[in-house]
Amino acid sequence: MSDIVIHALASAAYAGLAWHFWNTRWRSASHDAPAGLAGWERIALAAVLTLHGAILAQILFAPDGPRFGFAFALSSMLWLALVLYWVESFFLNLDSILPGALGLAAVCAPLTAWFPGRVPPTTSLEFRFHISLVILAYGVLTIALLHAILMALVERFLHHPGHTQTGAASGGVLSGPLSNLPPLLTLERVLFRLIAISFVLLTLTLATGMTLSESLFGKALKFNHETVFAIVSWLVFGLLLVGRRYYGWRGRTAMRWVLAGYLSVILAGVGTRFVLEVILGRS
């Protein structure tokens, strides 16, 4: 089976699941949404994640060396985010996330077939460890962003005149696709836990990146777009955690900081790679 067919199969599977969860969790909003993943849904999601993971592993362990680029970064980011969600779904019901996340994965999964990326200047263990940290940080931050968006939706529904004020924020029940969500305070605790983990991963990413840059180019920091945005994202999430700890930042304030930090992370990695590879045609 050719690589293009395998990529198309993974994309179609993601799209099919996205359509299913849209119909069962959002489109039928007048009915009570199912409480958590059904057994076959969990197995189906695990199967497509396994297929997608095999595609990414084939790229990482290619005989002529791994190839990295913006497409691989996007694809692996969505894959890891969904893996983390799959694990998280055993403890929290967050099915409302799935239509959007699976739809994005359906778009990103086949990109590596069209934009394979380039072989990096080194494939050392140090480089592979650095790339693994980058992918892990991106995945955790993607789940954090989806959490923040979900919280914003809940707050909007709670404050909308047509909805009850005794919803998730106070342990009650919202109607439609948000009906089975955990309390808003629980979602908030999970969000900041994810942000704290992401901050640690970003710190390790910057540290290993500096070490790698020193060994390859003789400079710990190369002041280019990628470095600047990486440092900005690290500062944004660090300040958000400080603001949460000492000033009680939450709600829309936290949402804005999460969006700003995530945008900086994307510009540091995926955005820079996209411009270099696709627009400028450079390695």
Protein backbone atom coordinates (compact mmCIF):
# COMPACT_ATOMS: atom_id res chain seq x y z
CA MET A 1 0.00 0.00 0.00
CA SER A 2 1.50 3.36 -1.04
CA ASP A 3 2.25 6.12 1.43
CA ILE A 4 -0.35 8.42 -0.15
CA VAL A 5 -3.07 5.79 0.27
CA ILE A 6 -2.14 5.26 3.94
CA HIS A 7 -2.16 9.01 4.57
CA ALA A 8 -5.55 9.30 2.84
CA LEU A 9 -6.92 6.41 4.91
CA ALA A 10 -5.86 8.09 8.17
CA SER A 11 -7.36 11.40 7.04
CA ALA A 12 -10.65 9.74 6.02
CA ALA A 13 -10.84 7.89 9.35
CA TYR A 14 -10.32 11.13 11.29
CA ALA A 15 -12.94 12.90 9.14
CA GLY A 16 -15.44 10.07 9.67
CA LEU A 17 -14.99 10.20 13.43
CA ALA A 18 -15.24 14.01 13.41
CA TRP A 19 -18.53 13.75 11.52
CA HIS A 20 -19.80 11.11 13.97
CA PHE A 21 -18.96 13.17 17.05
CA TRP A 22 -20.41 16.29 15.45
CA ASN A 23 -23.70 14.49 14.88
CA THR A 24 -23.84 12.86 18.30
CA ARG A 25 -22.39 15.63 20.49
CA TRP A 26 -23.24 18.93 18.77
CA ARG A 27 -25.82 18.60 16.00
CA SER A 28 -28.38 16.95 18.29
CA ALA A 29 -28.00 19.68 20.89
CA SER A 30 -31.62 19.43 21.96
CA HIS A 31 -31.00 15.98 23.39
CA ASP A 32 -28.76 14.89 26.21
CA ALA A 33 -25.28 14.18 24.88
CA PRO A 34 -23.82 10.72 25.56
CA ALA A 35 -21.86 10.58 28.80
CA GLY A 36 -18.31 9.84 27.69
CA LEU A 37 -16.95 7.62 24.94
CA ALA A 38 -18.71 4.38 24.11
CA GLY A 39 -16.56 1.26 23.93
CA TRP A 40 -16.53 1.14 20.11
CA GLU A 41 -15.77 4.88 19.91
CA ARG A 42 -12.75 4.46 22.17
CA ILE A 43 -11.50 1.50 20.10
CA ALA A 44 -12.09 3.34 16.80
CA LEU A 45 -10.19 6.37 18.05
CA ALA A 46 -7.34 4.18 19.29
CA ALA A 47 -7.19 2.42 15.91
CA VAL A 48 -6.86 5.62 13.86
CA LEU A 49 -4.31 6.98 16.35
CA THR A 50 -2.29 3.79 15.92
CA LEU A 51 -2.38 4.18 12.13
CA HIS A 52 -1.37 7.83 12.34
CA GLY A 53 1.36 7.00 14.85
CA ALA A 54 2.75 4.36 12.48
CA ILE A 55 2.96 7.00 9.72
CA LEU A 56 4.89 9.36 12.00
CA ALA A 57 7.18 6.53 13.18
CA GLN A 58 7.97 5.67 9.56
CA ILE A 59 9.11 9.26 9.03
CA LEU A 60 11.18 9.29 12.22
CA PHE A 61 12.93 5.99 11.49
CA ALA A 62 13.30 6.27 7.72
CA PRO A 63 16.38 4.43 6.34
CA ASP A 64 17.82 7.63 4.82
CA GLY A 65 17.27 9.55 8.06
CA PRO A 66 14.30 11.36 9.62
CA ARG A 67 12.75 14.30 7.76
CA PHE A 68 11.37 17.25 9.69
CA GLY A 69 9.30 20.20 8.59
CA PHE A 70 6.16 22.17 9.31
CA ALA A 71 3.91 19.32 8.07
CA PHE A 72 5.51 16.80 10.42
CA ALA A 73 5.26 19.30 13.30
CA LEU A 74 1.54 19.90 12.69
CA SER A 75 0.74 16.23 12.16
CA SER A 76 2.63 15.04 15.24
CA MET A 77 1.21 17.88 17.34
CA LEU A 78 -2.39 16.89 16.56
CA TRP A 79 -1.60 13.20 16.98
CA LEU A 80 -0.06 13.67 20.41
CA ALA A 81 -2.87 16.00 21.51
CA LEU A 82 -5.44 13.34 20.60
CA VAL A 83 -3.41 10.64 22.36
CA LEU A 84 -3.36 12.79 25.50
CA TYR A 85 -7.10 13.38 25.13
CA TRP A 86 -7.71 9.62 24.74
CA VAL A 87 -5.93 9.03 28.06
CA GLU A 88 -7.68 12.00 29.68
CA SER A 89 -11.09 10.70 28.55
CA PHE A 90 -10.84 7.89 31.14
CA PHE A 91 -11.07 10.56 33.86
CA LEU A 92 -13.02 13.47 32.35
CA ASN A 93 -15.82 13.70 29.80
CA LEU A 94 -14.59 16.22 27.22
CA ASP A 95 -16.28 14.82 24.11
CA SER A 96 -17.21 18.33 23.00
CA ILE A 97 -13.56 18.82 21.99
CA LEU A 98 -13.53 15.93 19.54
CA PRO A 99 -15.31 17.28 16.42
CA GLY A 100 -12.89 20.21 16.10
CA ALA A 101 -9.76 18.29 17.11
CA LEU A 102 -10.50 15.34 14.81
CA GLY A 103 -11.37 17.70 11.97
CA LEU A 104 -7.98 19.42 12.34
CA ALA A 105 -6.26 16.04 12.46
CA ALA A 106 -8.02 15.02 9.24
CA VAL A 107 -6.48 18.06 7.54
CA CYS A 108 -3.01 17.73 9.07
CA ALA A 109 -2.50 13.95 8.83
CA PRO A 110 -1.93 13.81 5.04
CA LEU A 111 0.30 16.91 4.88
CA THR A 112 3.49 14.90 5.41
CA ALA A 113 2.84 13.10 2.11
CA TRP A 114 2.79 16.41 0.21
CA PHE A 115 5.41 18.29 2.26
CA PRO A 116 7.90 15.66 3.47
CA GLY A 117 10.32 18.15 4.98
CA ARG A 118 14.10 17.93 4.89
CA VAL A 119 16.82 15.85 6.51
CA PRO A 120 18.25 17.93 9.41
CA PRO A 121 21.98 18.80 9.69
CA THR A 122 22.33 16.20 12.43
CA THR A 123 20.41 13.12 13.55
CA SER A 124 22.23 12.73 16.85
CA LEU A 125 20.54 11.47 20.00
CA GLU A 126 20.72 15.02 21.37
CA PHE A 127 18.78 16.34 18.36
CA ARG A 128 16.17 13.58 18.58
CA PHE A 129 15.67 14.31 22.27
CA HIS A 130 15.21 18.02 21.52
CA ILE A 131 12.67 17.30 18.75
CA SER A 132 10.80 14.90 21.06
CA LEU A 133 10.52 17.65 23.68
CA VAL A 134 9.26 20.11 21.06
CA ILE A 135 6.57 17.69 19.86
CA LEU A 136 5.55 16.85 23.42
CA ALA A 137 5.31 20.55 24.35
CA TYR A 138 3.23 21.28 21.23
CA GLY A 139 0.88 18.39 21.99
CA VAL A 140 0.28 19.40 25.61
CA LEU A 141 -0.22 23.05 24.60
CA THR A 142 -2.76 22.02 21.95
CA ILE A 143 -4.81 20.18 24.56
CA ALA A 144 -4.47 23.24 26.85
CA LEU A 145 -5.75 25.49 24.06
CA LEU A 146 -8.73 23.19 23.44
CA HIS A 147 -9.47 23.23 27.18
CA ALA A 148 -9.36 27.04 27.18
CA ILE A 149 -11.71 27.25 24.18
CA LEU A 150 -14.10 24.79 25.84
CA MET A 151 -14.06 26.86 29.03
CA ALA A 152 -14.80 30.01 27.03
CA LEU A 153 -17.81 28.26 25.44
CA VAL A 154 -19.08 27.17 28.84
CA GLU A 155 -18.75 30.69 30.25
CA ARG A 156 -20.55 32.11 27.22
CA PHE A 157 -23.42 29.65 27.64
CA LEU A 158 -23.66 30.36 31.36
CA HIS A 159 -23.91 34.10 30.82
CA HIS A 160 -26.26 33.90 27.84
CA PRO A 161 -29.80 35.02 28.74
CA GLY A 162 -31.30 31.87 27.26
CA HIS A 163 -29.33 29.48 29.46
CA THR A 164 -29.49 28.59 33.12
CA GLN A 165 -27.05 30.13 35.56
CA THR A 166 -26.74 26.85 37.47
CA GLY A 167 -24.57 25.04 34.95
CA ALA A 168 -21.08 23.64 35.04
CA ALA A 169 -19.71 26.48 37.16
CA SER A 170 -21.76 25.38 40.14
CA GLY A 171 -21.97 21.70 39.44
CA GLY A 172 -25.27 21.87 37.57
CA VAL A 173 -26.02 20.81 34.03
CA LEU A 174 -25.88 22.74 30.79
CA SER A 175 -28.04 21.72 27.87
CA GLY A 176 -26.88 20.17 24.62
CA PRO A 177 -23.27 19.23 23.83
CA LEU A 178 -21.91 20.78 27.04
CA SER A 179 -24.36 18.93 29.27
CA ASN A 180 -21.93 16.30 30.57
CA LEU A 181 -18.89 18.49 31.13
CA PRO A 182 -17.13 18.52 34.53
CA PRO A 183 -17.58 21.64 36.71
CA LEU A 184 -15.91 24.74 35.30
CA LEU A 185 -13.52 24.95 38.25
CA THR A 186 -12.35 21.40 37.49
CA LEU A 187 -11.71 22.36 33.87
CA GLU A 188 -9.78 25.39 35.08
CA ARG A 189 -7.57 23.30 37.38
CA VAL A 190 -6.83 20.89 34.54
CA LEU A 191 -6.03 23.82 32.21
CA PHE A 192 -3.45 25.33 34.54
CA ARG A 193 -1.98 21.91 35.25
CA LEU A 194 -1.47 21.49 31.51
CA ILE A 195 0.03 24.98 31.26
CA ALA A 196 2.46 24.20 34.09
CA ILE A 197 3.54 20.98 32.35
CA SER A 198 3.90 22.90 29.09
CA PHE A 199 6.06 25.55 30.77
CA VAL A 200 8.42 22.89 32.09
CA LEU A 201 8.60 21.29 28.62
CA LEU A 202 9.23 24.67 26.98
CA THR A 203 12.01 25.34 29.50
CA LEU A 204 13.64 22.00 28.67
CA THR A 205 13.14 22.68 24.95
CA LEU A 206 14.94 26.02 25.19
CA ALA A 207 17.75 24.49 27.26
CA THR A 208 18.34 21.56 24.87
CA GLY A 209 17.98 23.90 21.88
CA MET A 210 20.72 26.15 23.25
CA THR A 211 23.00 23.16 23.83
CA LEU A 212 22.31 21.84 20.33
CA SER A 213 22.89 25.27 18.76
CA GLU A 214 26.19 25.57 20.61
CA SER A 215 27.40 22.23 19.27
CA LEU A 216 26.22 22.86 15.68
CA PHE A 217 26.83 26.58 15.15
CA GLY A 218 29.10 27.63 18.03
CA LYS A 219 26.39 29.91 19.46
CA ALA A 220 23.96 29.09 22.26
CA LEU A 221 21.36 31.46 20.83
CA LYS A 222 20.85 32.39 17.19
CA PHE A 223 18.65 35.47 17.21
CA ASN A 224 16.26 34.60 14.41
CA HIS A 225 12.46 34.49 14.24
CA GLU A 226 12.30 30.99 15.69
CA THR A 227 14.39 31.88 18.74
CA VAL A 228 12.56 35.13 19.42
CA PHE A 229 9.09 33.57 19.26
CA ALA A 230 10.23 30.60 21.38
CA ILE A 231 11.47 32.94 24.12
CA VAL A 232 8.30 35.06 23.88
CA SER A 233 6.08 31.97 24.29
CA TRP A 234 8.14 30.84 27.29
CA LEU A 235 7.76 34.28 28.89
CA VAL A 236 4.02 34.43 28.16
CA PHE A 237 3.26 31.10 29.84
CA GLY A 238 5.62 31.91 32.72
CA LEU A 239 3.85 35.23 33.33
CA LEU A 240 0.47 33.51 33.09
CA LEU A 241 1.45 31.08 35.84
CA VAL A 242 2.76 33.96 37.99
CA GLY A 243 -0.44 35.92 37.36
CA ARG A 244 -2.54 32.91 38.30
CA ARG A 245 -0.54 32.31 41.48
CA TYR A 246 -0.33 35.88 42.80
CA TYR A 247 -3.17 37.78 41.10
CA GLY A 248 -5.77 35.08 40.57
CA TRP A 249 -5.94 35.43 36.77
CA ARG A 250 -8.69 33.30 35.29
CA GLY A 251 -11.51 33.35 32.77
CA ARG A 252 -11.08 35.66 29.80
CA THR A 253 -7.78 37.04 31.07
CA ALA A 254 -6.25 33.57 31.18
CA MET A 255 -7.80 32.76 27.79
CA ARG A 256 -6.08 35.74 26.17
CA TRP A 257 -2.71 34.74 27.60
CA VAL A 258 -3.15 31.15 26.47
CA LEU A 259 -4.01 32.29 22.94
CA ALA A 260 -1.02 34.67 22.84
CA GLY A 261 1.35 32.00 24.11
CA TYR A 262 0.06 29.35 21.73
CA LEU A 263 0.31 31.71 18.77
CA SER A 264 3.93 32.45 19.72
CA VAL A 265 4.71 28.72 19.93
CA ILE A 266 3.16 28.09 16.52
CA LEU A 267 5.08 31.00 14.99
CA ALA A 268 8.30 29.75 16.57
CA GLY A 269 8.04 26.29 15.07
CA VAL A 270 5.36 25.52 12.51
CA GLY A 271 5.02 29.07 11.16
CA THR A 272 8.76 29.58 10.67
CA ARG A 273 9.14 26.18 9.02
CA PHE A 274 6.18 26.84 6.71
CA VAL A 275 7.61 30.14 5.51
CA LEU A 276 11.08 28.68 4.97
CA GLU A 277 10.00 25.44 3.28
CA VAL A 278 6.92 26.41 1.28
CA ILE A 279 7.18 30.14 0.62
CA LEU A 280 10.95 30.62 0.45
CA GLY A 281 11.89 27.06 -0.53
CA ARG A 282 14.78 26.85 1.96
CA SER A 283 15.88 24.16 4.41
